[in-house]
C-alpha atoms as a PDB file:
ATOM      1  CA  MET A   1      12.994 -42.832 -66.405  1.00  0.00           C
ATOM      2  CA  ASP A   2       9.494 -42.775 -67.868  1.00  0.00           C
ATOM      3  CA  ARG A   3       7.982 -45.880 -66.361  1.00  0.00           C
ATOM      4  CA  VAL A   4       7.427 -47.298 -62.919  1.00  0.00           C
ATOM      5  CA  ASN A   5       9.587 -50.195 -61.751  1.00  0.00           C
ATOM      6  CA  ARG A   6       7.483 -52.770 -59.934  1.00  0.00           C
ATOM      7  CA  GLU A   7      10.598 -54.425 -58.538  1.00  0.00           C
ATOM      8  CA  SER A   8      11.742 -51.214 -56.856  1.00  0.00           C
ATOM      9  CA  LYS A   9      11.360 -50.750 -53.117  1.00  0.00           C
ATOM     10  CA  LEU A  10       9.962 -47.264 -53.758  1.00  0.00           C
ATOM     11  CA  PRO A  11       6.137 -47.116 -53.647  1.00  0.00           C
ATOM     12  CA  LEU A  12       4.435 -46.777 -57.017  1.00  0.00           C
ATOM     13  CA  TYR A  13       2.957 -43.390 -56.126  1.00  0.00           C
ATOM     14  CA  HIS A  14       6.420 -42.049 -55.278  1.00  0.00           C
ATOM     15  CA  GLN A  15       7.872 -43.285 -58.557  1.00  0.00           C
ATOM     16  CA  LEU A  16       5.026 -41.760 -60.563  1.00  0.00           C
ATOM     17  CA  TYR A  17       5.348 -38.527 -58.602  1.00  0.00           C
ATOM     18  CA  GLU A  18       9.053 -38.281 -59.527  1.00  0.00           C
ATOM     19  CA  ILE A  19       8.311 -39.022 -63.191  1.00  0.00           C
ATOM     20  CA  LEU A  20       5.632 -36.359 -63.541  1.00  0.00           C
ATOM     21  CA  ARG A  21       7.492 -33.818 -61.401  1.00  0.00           C
ATOM     22  CA  ASP A  22      10.618 -34.204 -63.561  1.00  0.00           C
ATOM     23  CA  LYS A  23       8.576 -33.496 -66.694  1.00  0.00           C
ATOM     24  CA  ILE A  24       7.438 -30.208 -65.132  1.00  0.00           C
ATOM     25  CA  VAL A  25      10.661 -29.106 -63.447  1.00  0.00           C
ATOM     26  CA  HIS A  26      12.875 -29.893 -66.463  1.00  0.00           C
ATOM     27  CA  GLY A  27      10.551 -28.182 -68.928  1.00  0.00           C
ATOM     28  CA  GLU A  28       9.235 -31.155 -70.882  1.00  0.00           C
ATOM     29  CA  TRP A  29       5.783 -29.952 -69.851  1.00  0.00           C
ATOM     30  CA  GLN A  30       5.695 -26.155 -70.119  1.00  0.00           C
ATOM     31  CA  PRO A  31       3.480 -23.842 -68.018  1.00  0.00           C
ATOM     32  CA  GLY A  32      -0.056 -23.945 -69.344  1.00  0.00           C
ATOM     33  CA  THR A  33       0.340 -27.446 -70.823  1.00  0.00           C
ATOM     34  CA  MET A  34      -2.600 -29.741 -70.177  1.00  0.00           C
ATOM     35  CA  LEU A  35      -1.617 -32.977 -68.442  1.00  0.00           C
ATOM     36  CA  PRO A  36      -2.916 -36.320 -69.715  1.00  0.00           C
ATOM     37  CA  SER A  37      -6.236 -37.284 -68.155  1.00  0.00           C
ATOM     38  CA  GLU A  38      -6.392 -39.593 -65.135  1.00  0.00           C
ATOM     39  CA  THR A  39      -7.531 -42.405 -67.441  1.00  0.00           C
ATOM     40  CA  GLU A  40      -4.576 -41.824 -69.779  1.00  0.00           C
ATOM     41  CA  LEU A  41      -2.105 -41.804 -66.870  1.00  0.00           C
ATOM     42  CA  VAL A  42      -3.590 -45.021 -65.486  1.00  0.00           C
ATOM     43  CA  SER A  43      -3.204 -46.670 -68.875  1.00  0.00           C
ATOM     44  CA  GLN A  44       0.268 -45.285 -69.630  1.00  0.00           C
ATOM     45  CA  TYR A  45       1.871 -46.156 -66.292  1.00  0.00           C
ATOM     46  CA  GLN A  46      -0.243 -49.192 -65.391  1.00  0.00           C
ATOM     47  CA  VAL A  47      -1.136 -47.938 -61.921  1.00  0.00           C
ATOM     48  CA  SER A  48      -4.451 -47.510 -60.145  1.00  0.00           C
ATOM     49  CA  ARG A  49      -6.617 -44.408 -60.383  1.00  0.00           C
ATOM     50  CA  ILE A  50      -6.129 -43.920 -56.628  1.00  0.00           C
ATOM     51  CA  THR A  51      -2.355 -43.763 -57.182  1.00  0.00           C
ATOM     52  CA  VAL A  52      -2.757 -41.228 -59.984  1.00  0.00           C
ATOM     53  CA  ARG A  53      -5.015 -39.017 -57.870  1.00  0.00           C
ATOM     54  CA  GLN A  54      -2.607 -39.217 -54.944  1.00  0.00           C
ATOM     55  CA  VAL A  55       0.235 -38.025 -57.179  1.00  0.00           C
ATOM     56  CA  LEU A  56      -1.807 -35.206 -58.702  1.00  0.00           C
ATOM     57  CA  ASP A  57      -2.812 -34.065 -55.219  1.00  0.00           C
ATOM     58  CA  LEU A  58       0.862 -33.909 -54.221  1.00  0.00           C
ATOM     59  CA  LEU A  59       1.770 -31.888 -57.320  1.00  0.00           C
ATOM     60  CA  ALA A  60      -1.140 -29.529 -56.708  1.00  0.00           C
ATOM     61  CA  LYS A  61      -0.045 -28.967 -53.105  1.00  0.00           C
ATOM     62  CA  GLU A  62       3.403 -28.006 -54.424  1.00  0.00           C
ATOM     63  CA  ARG A  63       1.654 -25.572 -56.794  1.00  0.00           C
ATOM     64  CA  LEU A  64       3.209 -27.299 -59.781  1.00  0.00           C
ATOM     65  CA  ILE A  65      -0.182 -28.006 -61.352  1.00  0.00           C
ATOM     66  CA  TYR A  66      -3.700 -26.624 -61.100  1.00  0.00           C
ATOM     67  CA  ARG A  67      -7.117 -27.981 -61.984  1.00  0.00           C
ATOM     68  CA  GLN A  68      -9.891 -26.246 -63.902  1.00  0.00           C
ATOM     69  CA  ARG A  69     -13.339 -27.701 -63.521  1.00  0.00           C
ATOM     70  CA  GLY A  70     -14.613 -29.086 -66.807  1.00  0.00           C
ATOM     71  CA  ARG A  71     -11.304 -28.475 -68.612  1.00  0.00           C
ATOM     72  CA  GLY A  72      -8.564 -30.590 -67.034  1.00  0.00           C
ATOM     73  CA  THR A  73      -5.269 -30.324 -65.166  1.00  0.00           C
ATOM     74  CA  PHE A  74      -2.529 -27.925 -66.278  1.00  0.00           C
ATOM     75  CA  VAL A  75       1.103 -27.144 -65.488  1.00  0.00           C
ATOM     76  CA  ALA A  76       1.167 -24.049 -63.283  1.00  0.00           C
ATOM     77  CA  HIS A  77       3.182 -20.916 -63.890  1.00  0.00           C
ATOM     78  CA  PRO A  78       5.823 -20.134 -61.263  1.00  0.00           C
ATOM     79  CA  THR A  79       4.552 -18.129 -58.319  1.00  0.00           C
ATOM     80  CA  ILE A  80       4.718 -14.395 -59.014  1.00  0.00           C
ATOM     81  CA  GLU A  81       6.459 -12.264 -56.418  1.00  0.00           C
ATOM     82  CA  GLN A  82       4.747  -8.911 -56.113  1.00  0.00           C
ATOM     83  CA  THR A  83       6.804  -6.052 -54.737  1.00  0.00           C
ATOM     84  CA  LEU A  84       5.237  -3.726 -52.184  1.00  0.00           C
ATOM     85  CA  VAL A  85       7.454  -0.723 -52.817  1.00  0.00           C
ATOM     86  CA  ARG A  86       6.442   0.301 -56.372  1.00  0.00           C
ATOM     87  CA  ILE A  87       3.182   1.036 -58.173  1.00  0.00           C
ATOM     88  CA  VAL A  88       3.401  -1.282 -61.182  1.00  0.00           C
ATOM     89  CA  SER A  89       0.568  -1.995 -63.605  1.00  0.00           C
ATOM     90  CA  PHE A  90      -0.454  -5.616 -64.112  1.00  0.00           C
ATOM     91  CA  THR A  91       0.260  -5.382 -67.849  1.00  0.00           C
ATOM     92  CA  ASP A  92       3.805  -4.072 -67.398  1.00  0.00           C
ATOM     93  CA  ASP A  93       4.497  -6.524 -64.594  1.00  0.00           C
ATOM     94  CA  MET A  94       3.456  -9.553 -66.651  1.00  0.00           C
ATOM     95  CA  ARG A  95       5.381  -8.402 -69.730  1.00  0.00           C
ATOM     96  CA  GLN A  96       8.546  -7.920 -67.683  1.00  0.00           C
ATOM     97  CA  ARG A  97       8.186 -11.471 -66.380  1.00  0.00           C
ATOM     98  CA  GLY A  98       7.770 -12.934 -69.858  1.00  0.00           C
ATOM     99  CA  PHE A  99       4.029 -13.649 -69.626  1.00  0.00           C
ATOM    100  CA  ARG A 100       1.397 -12.607 -72.144  1.00  0.00           C
ATOM    101  CA  PRO A 101      -1.024 -10.332 -70.248  1.00  0.00           C
ATOM    102  CA  GLY A 102      -4.729 -10.456 -70.923  1.00  0.00           C
ATOM    103  CA  THR A 103      -7.821  -8.700 -69.633  1.00  0.00           C
ATOM    104  CA  VAL A 104     -11.524  -9.506 -69.628  1.00  0.00           C
ATOM    105  CA  VAL A 105     -13.839  -6.647 -68.672  1.00  0.00           C
ATOM    106  CA  LEU A 106     -16.501  -8.064 -66.361  1.00  0.00           C
ATOM    107  CA  THR A 107     -18.349  -4.864 -65.407  1.00  0.00           C
ATOM    108  CA  SER A 108     -18.230  -1.235 -66.518  1.00  0.00           C
ATOM    109  CA  ALA A 109     -20.662   1.232 -64.951  1.00  0.00           C
ATOM    110  CA  LEU A 110     -21.208   4.560 -63.219  1.00  0.00           C
ATOM    111  CA  ILE A 111     -22.146   4.072 -59.562  1.00  0.00           C
ATOM    112  CA  PRO A 112     -22.713   6.263 -56.497  1.00  0.00           C
ATOM    113  CA  ALA A 113     -19.792   6.226 -54.054  1.00  0.00           C
ATOM    114  CA  PRO A 114     -20.456   4.014 -50.992  1.00  0.00           C
ATOM    115  CA  GLN A 115     -19.720   5.731 -47.697  1.00  0.00           C
ATOM    116  CA  LYS A 116     -16.517   3.773 -46.969  1.00  0.00           C
ATOM    117  CA  ILE A 117     -14.997   4.416 -50.399  1.00  0.00           C
ATOM    118  CA  ALA A 118     -16.106   8.062 -50.377  1.00  0.00           C
ATOM    119  CA  LYS A 119     -14.239   8.598 -47.119  1.00  0.00           C
ATOM    120  CA  LEU A 120     -11.054   7.081 -48.549  1.00  0.00           C
ATOM    121  CA  LEU A 121     -11.327   9.208 -51.702  1.00  0.00           C
ATOM    122  CA  GLU A 122     -12.172  12.341 -49.675  1.00  0.00           C
ATOM    123  CA  ILE A 123     -15.435  12.928 -51.540  1.00  0.00           C
ATOM    124  CA  GLU A 124     -19.102  13.043 -50.550  1.00  0.00           C
ATOM    125  CA  PRO A 125     -21.020   9.759 -50.334  1.00  0.00           C
ATOM    126  CA  GLY A 126     -23.062   9.263 -53.476  1.00  0.00           C
ATOM    127  CA  GLU A 127     -20.676  11.166 -55.760  1.00  0.00           C
ATOM    128  CA  GLU A 128     -20.387   9.522 -59.173  1.00  0.00           C
ATOM    129  CA  LEU A 129     -17.662   6.897 -59.568  1.00  0.00           C
ATOM    130  CA  ALA A 130     -16.524   5.095 -62.716  1.00  0.00           C
ATOM    131  CA  TYR A 131     -16.502   1.410 -61.735  1.00  0.00           C
ATOM    132  CA  LEU A 132     -14.444  -1.049 -63.769  1.00  0.00           C
ATOM    133  CA  LYS A 133     -14.153  -4.725 -62.838  1.00  0.00           C
ATOM    134  CA  ARG A 134     -11.553  -6.730 -64.761  1.00  0.00           C
ATOM    135  CA  LEU A 135     -10.274 -10.291 -64.793  1.00  0.00           C
ATOM    136  CA  ARG A 136      -6.508 -10.289 -65.325  1.00  0.00           C
ATOM    137  CA  LEU A 137      -4.802 -13.182 -67.135  1.00  0.00           C
ATOM    138  CA  ALA A 138      -1.234 -14.368 -67.684  1.00  0.00           C
ATOM    139  CA  ASP A 139      -0.841 -16.642 -70.709  1.00  0.00           C
ATOM    140  CA  GLU A 140      -4.645 -17.048 -70.552  1.00  0.00           C
ATOM    141  CA  GLU A 141      -4.538 -18.274 -66.942  1.00  0.00           C
ATOM    142  CA  PRO A 142      -6.692 -16.305 -64.449  1.00  0.00           C
ATOM    143  CA  MET A 143      -4.492 -14.467 -61.953  1.00  0.00           C
ATOM    144  CA  SER A 144      -6.507 -11.729 -60.281  1.00  0.00           C
ATOM    145  CA  ILE A 145      -9.656  -9.640 -60.286  1.00  0.00           C
ATOM    146  CA  GLU A 146      -9.375  -5.854 -60.091  1.00  0.00           C
ATOM    147  CA  GLU A 147     -12.172  -3.493 -59.099  1.00  0.00           C
ATOM    148  CA  SER A 148     -11.329   0.133 -59.916  1.00  0.00           C
ATOM    149  CA  HIS A 149     -13.395   2.989 -58.464  1.00  0.00           C
ATOM    150  CA  LEU A 150     -12.411   6.293 -60.102  1.00  0.00           C
ATOM    151  CA  VAL A 151     -13.715   9.741 -59.167  1.00  0.00           C
ATOM    152  CA  HIS A 152     -15.530  10.364 -62.442  1.00  0.00           C
ATOM    153  CA  ARG A 153     -15.266  14.183 -62.472  1.00  0.00           C
ATOM    154  CA  PHE A 154     -11.474  13.822 -62.721  1.00  0.00           C
ATOM    155  CA  CYS A 155     -11.742  11.526 -65.759  1.00  0.00           C
ATOM    156  CA  PRO A 156     -15.124  12.083 -67.464  1.00  0.00           C
ATOM    157  CA  GLY A 157     -15.945   9.472 -70.095  1.00  0.00           C
ATOM    158  CA  VAL A 158     -13.180   7.145 -68.931  1.00  0.00           C
ATOM    159  CA  LEU A 159     -15.402   4.081 -69.292  1.00  0.00           C
ATOM    160  CA  GLN A 160     -15.554   4.597 -73.061  1.00  0.00           C
ATOM    161  CA  GLY A 161     -12.041   3.134 -73.364  1.00  0.00           C
ATOM    162  CA  ASP A 162     -11.355  -0.417 -74.541  1.00  0.00           C
ATOM    163  CA  TYR A 163      -9.780  -1.903 -71.435  1.00  0.00           C
ATOM    164  CA  ALA A 164      -9.582  -5.412 -72.826  1.00  0.00           C
ATOM    165  CA  SER A 165      -6.687  -4.162 -74.961  1.00  0.00           C
ATOM    166  CA  THR A 166      -5.593  -0.838 -73.414  1.00  0.00           C
ATOM    167  CA  PRO A 167      -4.213  -0.562 -69.856  1.00  0.00           C
ATOM    168  CA  LEU A 168      -6.330   1.773 -67.721  1.00  0.00           C
ATOM    169  CA  ARG A 169      -3.205   3.428 -66.333  1.00  0.00           C
ATOM    170  CA  GLU A 170      -2.037   4.377 -69.844  1.00  0.00           C
ATOM    171  CA  GLU A 171      -5.464   5.799 -70.704  1.00  0.00           C
ATOM    172  CA  LEU A 172      -5.567   7.911 -67.546  1.00  0.00           C
ATOM    173  CA  GLU A 173      -2.209   9.452 -68.373  1.00  0.00           C
ATOM    174  CA  ARG A 174      -2.838   9.929 -72.091  1.00  0.00           C
ATOM    175  CA  ARG A 175      -6.376  11.352 -71.924  1.00  0.00           C
ATOM    176  CA  TYR A 176      -6.461  13.047 -68.544  1.00  0.00           C
ATOM    177  CA  GLY A 177      -2.835  13.683 -67.598  1.00  0.00           C
ATOM    178  CA  ILE A 178      -3.264  11.637 -64.411  1.00  0.00           C
ATOM    179  CA  ARG A 179      -0.149   9.853 -63.151  1.00  0.00           C
ATOM    180  CA  TRP A 180       0.087   7.954 -59.894  1.00  0.00           C
ATOM    181  CA  SER A 181       2.601   9.603 -57.583  1.00  0.00           C
ATOM    182  CA  ARG A 182       1.945   7.476 -54.508  1.00  0.00           C
ATOM    183  CA  ALA A 183      -0.525   5.036 -52.991  1.00  0.00           C
ATOM    184  CA  THR A 184      -1.586   3.684 -49.627  1.00  0.00           C
ATOM    185  CA  GLN A 185      -2.841   0.141 -49.271  1.00  0.00           C
ATOM    186  CA  VAL A 186      -4.093  -2.508 -46.888  1.00  0.00           C
ATOM    187  CA  ILE A 187      -3.442  -6.233 -47.411  1.00  0.00           C
ATOM    188  CA  ARG A 188      -5.522  -8.996 -45.907  1.00  0.00           C
ATOM    189  CA  ALA A 189      -6.388 -12.646 -46.446  1.00  0.00           C
ATOM    190  CA  VAL A 190      -9.900 -13.494 -47.606  1.00  0.00           C
ATOM    191  CA  GLN A 191     -11.785 -16.510 -48.899  1.00  0.00           C
ATOM    192  CA  ALA A 192     -13.062 -16.694 -52.455  1.00  0.00           C
ATOM    193  CA  THR A 193     -16.782 -16.187 -52.884  1.00  0.00           C
ATOM    194  CA  PRO A 194     -18.485 -18.548 -55.358  1.00  0.00           C
ATOM    195  CA  GLU A 195     -18.571 -15.757 -57.983  1.00  0.00           C
ATOM    196  CA  ILE A 196     -14.881 -14.849 -57.603  1.00  0.00           C
ATOM    197  CA  ALA A 197     -13.879 -18.520 -57.419  1.00  0.00           C
ATOM    198  CA  GLN A 198     -15.565 -19.196 -60.755  1.00  0.00           C
ATOM    199  CA  SER A 199     -13.799 -16.276 -62.428  1.00  0.00           C
ATOM    200  CA  LEU A 200     -10.380 -17.214 -61.004  1.00  0.00           C
ATOM    201  CA  ALA A 201     -10.834 -20.966 -61.661  1.00  0.00           C
ATOM    202  CA  VAL A 202     -10.323 -21.883 -58.004  1.00  0.00           C
ATOM    203  CA  SER A 203     -12.490 -23.671 -55.462  1.00  0.00           C
ATOM    204  CA  PRO A 204     -14.980 -21.638 -53.386  1.00  0.00           C
ATOM    205  CA  GLN A 205     -13.439 -20.475 -50.089  1.00  0.00           C
ATOM    206  CA  SER A 206      -9.910 -20.813 -51.528  1.00  0.00           C
ATOM    207  CA  ALA A 207      -7.392 -18.445 -49.942  1.00  0.00           C
ATOM    208  CA  LEU A 208      -6.979 -15.125 -51.722  1.00  0.00           C
ATOM    209  CA  LEU A 209      -4.830 -12.078 -51.092  1.00  0.00           C
ATOM    210  CA  CYS A 210      -6.900  -8.904 -51.087  1.00  0.00           C
ATOM    211  CA  ILE A 211      -5.289  -5.496 -51.553  1.00  0.00           C
ATOM    212  CA  GLU A 212      -7.280  -2.297 -51.077  1.00  0.00           C
ATOM    213  CA  ARG A 213      -5.358   0.653 -52.475  1.00  0.00           C
ATOM    214  CA  VAL A 214      -5.941   4.385 -52.737  1.00  0.00           C
ATOM    215  CA  SER A 215      -3.882   5.936 -55.549  1.00  0.00           C
ATOM    216  CA  TYR A 216      -2.986   9.635 -55.624  1.00  0.00           C
ATOM    217  CA  SER A 217      -2.326  11.833 -58.646  1.00  0.00           C
ATOM    218  CA  GLN A 218       0.735  14.010 -59.062  1.00  0.00           C
ATOM    219  CA  GLN A 219      -1.311  16.788 -57.384  1.00  0.00           C
ATOM    220  CA  ASN A 220      -1.613  14.495 -54.321  1.00  0.00           C
ATOM    221  CA  ILE A 221      -5.361  14.064 -54.908  1.00  0.00           C
ATOM    222  CA  PRO A 222      -6.935  10.641 -54.265  1.00  0.00           C
ATOM    223  CA  VAL A 223      -8.437   9.573 -57.588  1.00  0.00           C
ATOM    224  CA  GLU A 224      -8.811   5.794 -57.452  1.00  0.00           C
ATOM    225  CA  PHE A 225      -9.845   3.201 -54.914  1.00  0.00           C
ATOM    226  CA  LEU A 226      -8.660  -0.170 -56.191  1.00  0.00           C
ATOM    227  CA  ARG A 227      -9.574  -3.556 -54.753  1.00  0.00           C
ATOM    228  CA  ILE A 228      -7.569  -6.521 -56.074  1.00  0.00           C
ATOM    229  CA  PHE A 229      -8.177 -10.201 -55.387  1.00  0.00           C
ATOM    230  CA  TYR A 230      -5.047 -12.258 -56.072  1.00  0.00           C
ATOM    231  CA  ARG A 231      -5.021 -16.026 -56.264  1.00  0.00           C
ATOM    232  CA  GLY A 232      -3.232 -17.194 -53.134  1.00  0.00           C
ATOM    233  CA  ASP A 233      -1.523 -20.004 -55.046  1.00  0.00           C
ATOM    234  CA  LYS A 234      -0.073 -17.602 -57.627  1.00  0.00           C
ATOM    235  CA  TYR A 235       1.195 -14.593 -55.704  1.00  0.00           C
ATOM    236  CA  GLU A 236       3.728 -13.843 -53.029  1.00  0.00           C
ATOM    237  CA  LEU A 237       4.045 -10.313 -51.637  1.00  0.00           C
ATOM    238  CA  CYS A 238       7.483  -9.084 -50.674  1.00  0.00           C
ATOM    239  CA  ALA A 239       8.955  -5.967 -49.109  1.00  0.00           C
ATOM    240  CA  GLU A 240      12.420  -4.906 -48.062  1.00  0.00           C
ATOM    241  CA  LEU A 241      12.604  -3.647 -44.481  1.00  0.00           C
ATOM    242  CA  THR A 242      15.342  -1.726 -42.740  1.00  0.00           C
ATOM    243  CA  GLY A 243      16.074  -1.615 -39.029  1.00  0.00           C
END
């Protein structure tokens, strides 16, 4: 069925919802596909703009579509389940799931260690850190923002790498022999600031998952403090527990 039936007892919005949902669920509209505009949907299905908006709101609440200001409405990728028991790089994780990973470097600089981060990294406040802020993409869709704080004396010159195309984790191992052996992390819910919301293509104050992680080298030395902001509509965190 690709048209609404005005003789049906089902409300028009419900019929249109089923039509558009079927296109997404059955793969006619693939993840990342731009939906027709509201005007085009009104014309195609001969319903009101209010009906179209009601349907799009329902699909957005189900996380089947997402809106990007100034661009349009797109079919969403399935929610990504992030395991809590392994240290997996974003690039490897996305490739294993069949997505095309992408990275945009937002900031790259040497900074003095703030007191809180210095304590976590077991260094003196003010010691030099290599700070790298990256926007992570899956099939060109914004997924997360990562802020890496690396103790620079363990990886001098690390910011010279091209981290739009090379994973930081690979560079640390190849150039400096640093491999993550373990990590500790804290997870909390936060609201998107206007700056983060713009980068992640979400509304300000949208729910985000924030992970703060300290990663240790194979010598059990804390080398990196990593802060990650995940889109709340794209990630689920899972862990297996035993009793």
